[in-house]
Amino acid sequence: MKLNTRSFAALSAVLLVSALSLGGCAGMTQQEKSTATGAVIGGVVGNVLCGGLACTGAGAAVGGVIGHEVAK
């Protein structure tokens, strides 16, 4: 799969924001961390698969639910 410049920039921005925001997870429970991590990973996967905002949001939502359930 080849990323164009726009998709690469969006993916880079998502990864940068994710890395910075996960740095503030020190006071979170394990389940909250797992939910946030799942949402980030799902958002990145959704963006890579189809590159649209809707796909990114849907991927983040699904990833968050999966991360939440895995941590139970």
C-alpha atoms as a PDB file:
ATOM      1  CA  MET A   1       0.000   0.000   0.000  1.00  0.00           C
ATOM      2  CA  LYS A   2       1.432   3.348  -1.029  1.00  0.00           C
ATOM      3  CA  LEU A   3       0.599   6.487   0.979  1.00  0.00           C
ATOM      4  CA  ASN A   4       0.274   9.788  -0.811  1.00  0.00           C
ATOM      5  CA  THR A   5       1.631  12.975   0.767  1.00  0.00           C
ATOM      6  CA  ARG A   6      -1.727  13.989   2.260  1.00  0.00           C
ATOM      7  CA  SER A   7      -2.350  10.590   3.868  1.00  0.00           C
ATOM      8  CA  PHE A   8       1.193  10.473   5.196  1.00  0.00           C
ATOM      9  CA  ALA A   9       0.812  13.934   6.742  1.00  0.00           C
ATOM     10  CA  ALA A  10      -2.503  12.976   8.358  1.00  0.00           C
ATOM     11  CA  LEU A  11      -1.074   9.727   9.693  1.00  0.00           C
ATOM     12  CA  SER A  12       1.988  11.528  11.044  1.00  0.00           C
ATOM     13  CA  ALA A  13      -0.215  14.100  12.782  1.00  0.00           C
ATOM     14  CA  VAL A  14      -2.356  11.378  14.358  1.00  0.00           C
ATOM     15  CA  LEU A  15       0.700   9.529  15.610  1.00  0.00           C
ATOM     16  CA  LEU A  16       2.285  12.698  17.012  1.00  0.00           C
ATOM     17  CA  VAL A  17      -0.863  13.796  18.836  1.00  0.00           C
ATOM     18  CA  SER A  18      -1.373  10.259  20.103  1.00  0.00           C
ATOM     19  CA  ALA A  19       2.135  10.014  21.478  1.00  0.00           C
ATOM     20  CA  LEU A  20       1.860  13.384  23.215  1.00  0.00           C
ATOM     21  CA  SER A  21      -1.577  12.719  24.664  1.00  0.00           C
ATOM     22  CA  LEU A  22      -0.675   9.245  25.937  1.00  0.00           C
ATOM     23  CA  GLY A  23       2.099  10.867  27.950  1.00  0.00           C
ATOM     24  CA  GLY A  24      -0.593  12.199  30.286  1.00  0.00           C
ATOM     25  CA  CYS A  25      -1.946   8.754  31.149  1.00  0.00           C
ATOM     26  CA  ALA A  26      -0.134   8.436  34.478  1.00  0.00           C
ATOM     27  CA  GLY A  27      -3.289   8.935  36.557  1.00  0.00           C
ATOM     28  CA  MET A  28      -5.521   6.715  34.450  1.00  0.00           C
ATOM     29  CA  THR A  29      -6.768   3.261  35.367  1.00  0.00           C
ATOM     30  CA  GLN A  30      -5.635   0.291  33.310  1.00  0.00           C
ATOM     31  CA  GLN A  31      -9.042   0.099  31.628  1.00  0.00           C
ATOM     32  CA  GLU A  32      -8.927   3.793  30.664  1.00  0.00           C
ATOM     33  CA  LYS A  33      -5.427   3.340  29.244  1.00  0.00           C
ATOM     34  CA  SER A  34      -6.539   0.312  27.263  1.00  0.00           C
ATOM     35  CA  THR A  35      -9.563   2.183  25.889  1.00  0.00           C
ATOM     36  CA  ALA A  36      -7.418   5.151  24.837  1.00  0.00           C
ATOM     37  CA  THR A  37      -4.783   2.920  23.272  1.00  0.00           C
ATOM     38  CA  GLY A  38      -7.428   0.963  21.358  1.00  0.00           C
ATOM     39  CA  ALA A  39      -8.965   4.204  20.086  1.00  0.00           C
ATOM     40  CA  VAL A  40      -5.605   5.494  18.877  1.00  0.00           C
ATOM     41  CA  ILE A  41      -4.682   2.261  17.141  1.00  0.00           C
ATOM     42  CA  GLY A  42      -8.156   1.957  15.622  1.00  0.00           C
ATOM     43  CA  GLY A  43      -8.011   5.533  14.355  1.00  0.00           C
ATOM     44  CA  VAL A  44      -4.650   4.969  12.702  1.00  0.00           C
ATOM     45  CA  VAL A  45      -5.819   1.727  11.094  1.00  0.00           C
ATOM     46  CA  GLY A  46      -9.031   3.398   9.871  1.00  0.00           C
ATOM     47  CA  ASN A  47      -7.038   6.261   8.391  1.00  0.00           C
ATOM     48  CA  VAL A  48      -4.605   3.950   6.637  1.00  0.00           C
ATOM     49  CA  LEU A  49      -7.344   1.723   5.216  1.00  0.00           C
ATOM     50  CA  CYS A  50      -9.445   4.403   3.551  1.00  0.00           C
ATOM     51  CA  GLY A  51      -7.964   7.780   4.521  1.00  0.00           C
ATOM     52  CA  GLY A  52     -11.178   9.615   5.274  1.00  0.00           C
ATOM     53  CA  LEU A  53     -12.308  11.342   8.415  1.00  0.00           C
ATOM     54  CA  ALA A  54     -15.270   8.980   8.725  1.00  0.00           C
ATOM     55  CA  CYS A  55     -13.024   5.930   8.516  1.00  0.00           C
ATOM     56  CA  THR A  56     -10.643   7.381  11.086  1.00  0.00           C
ATOM     57  CA  GLY A  57     -13.507   8.125  13.469  1.00  0.00           C
ATOM     58  CA  ALA A  58     -15.110   4.725  12.957  1.00  0.00           C
ATOM     59  CA  GLY A  59     -11.776   2.998  13.492  1.00  0.00           C
ATOM     60  CA  ALA A  60     -11.194   4.979  16.683  1.00  0.00           C
ATOM     61  CA  ALA A  61     -14.658   4.107  17.988  1.00  0.00           C
ATOM     62  CA  VAL A  62     -14.284   0.409  17.255  1.00  0.00           C
ATOM     63  CA  GLY A  63     -10.749   0.356  18.657  1.00  0.00           C
ATOM     64  CA  GLY A  64     -11.887   2.109  21.824  1.00  0.00           C
ATOM     65  CA  VAL A  65     -14.643  -0.429  22.397  1.00  0.00           C
ATOM     66  CA  ILE A  66     -12.267  -3.319  21.793  1.00  0.00           C
ATOM     67  CA  GLY A  67      -9.655  -1.816  24.111  1.00  0.00           C
ATOM     68  CA  HIS A  68     -12.286  -1.259  26.791  1.00  0.00           C
ATOM     69  CA  GLU A  69     -13.517  -4.852  26.581  1.00  0.00           C
ATOM     70  CA  VAL A  70     -10.032  -6.373  26.543  1.00  0.00           C
ATOM     71  CA  ALA A  71      -9.133  -4.642  29.812  1.00  0.00           C
ATOM     72  CA  LYS A  72     -12.103  -6.077  31.738  1.00  0.00           C
END
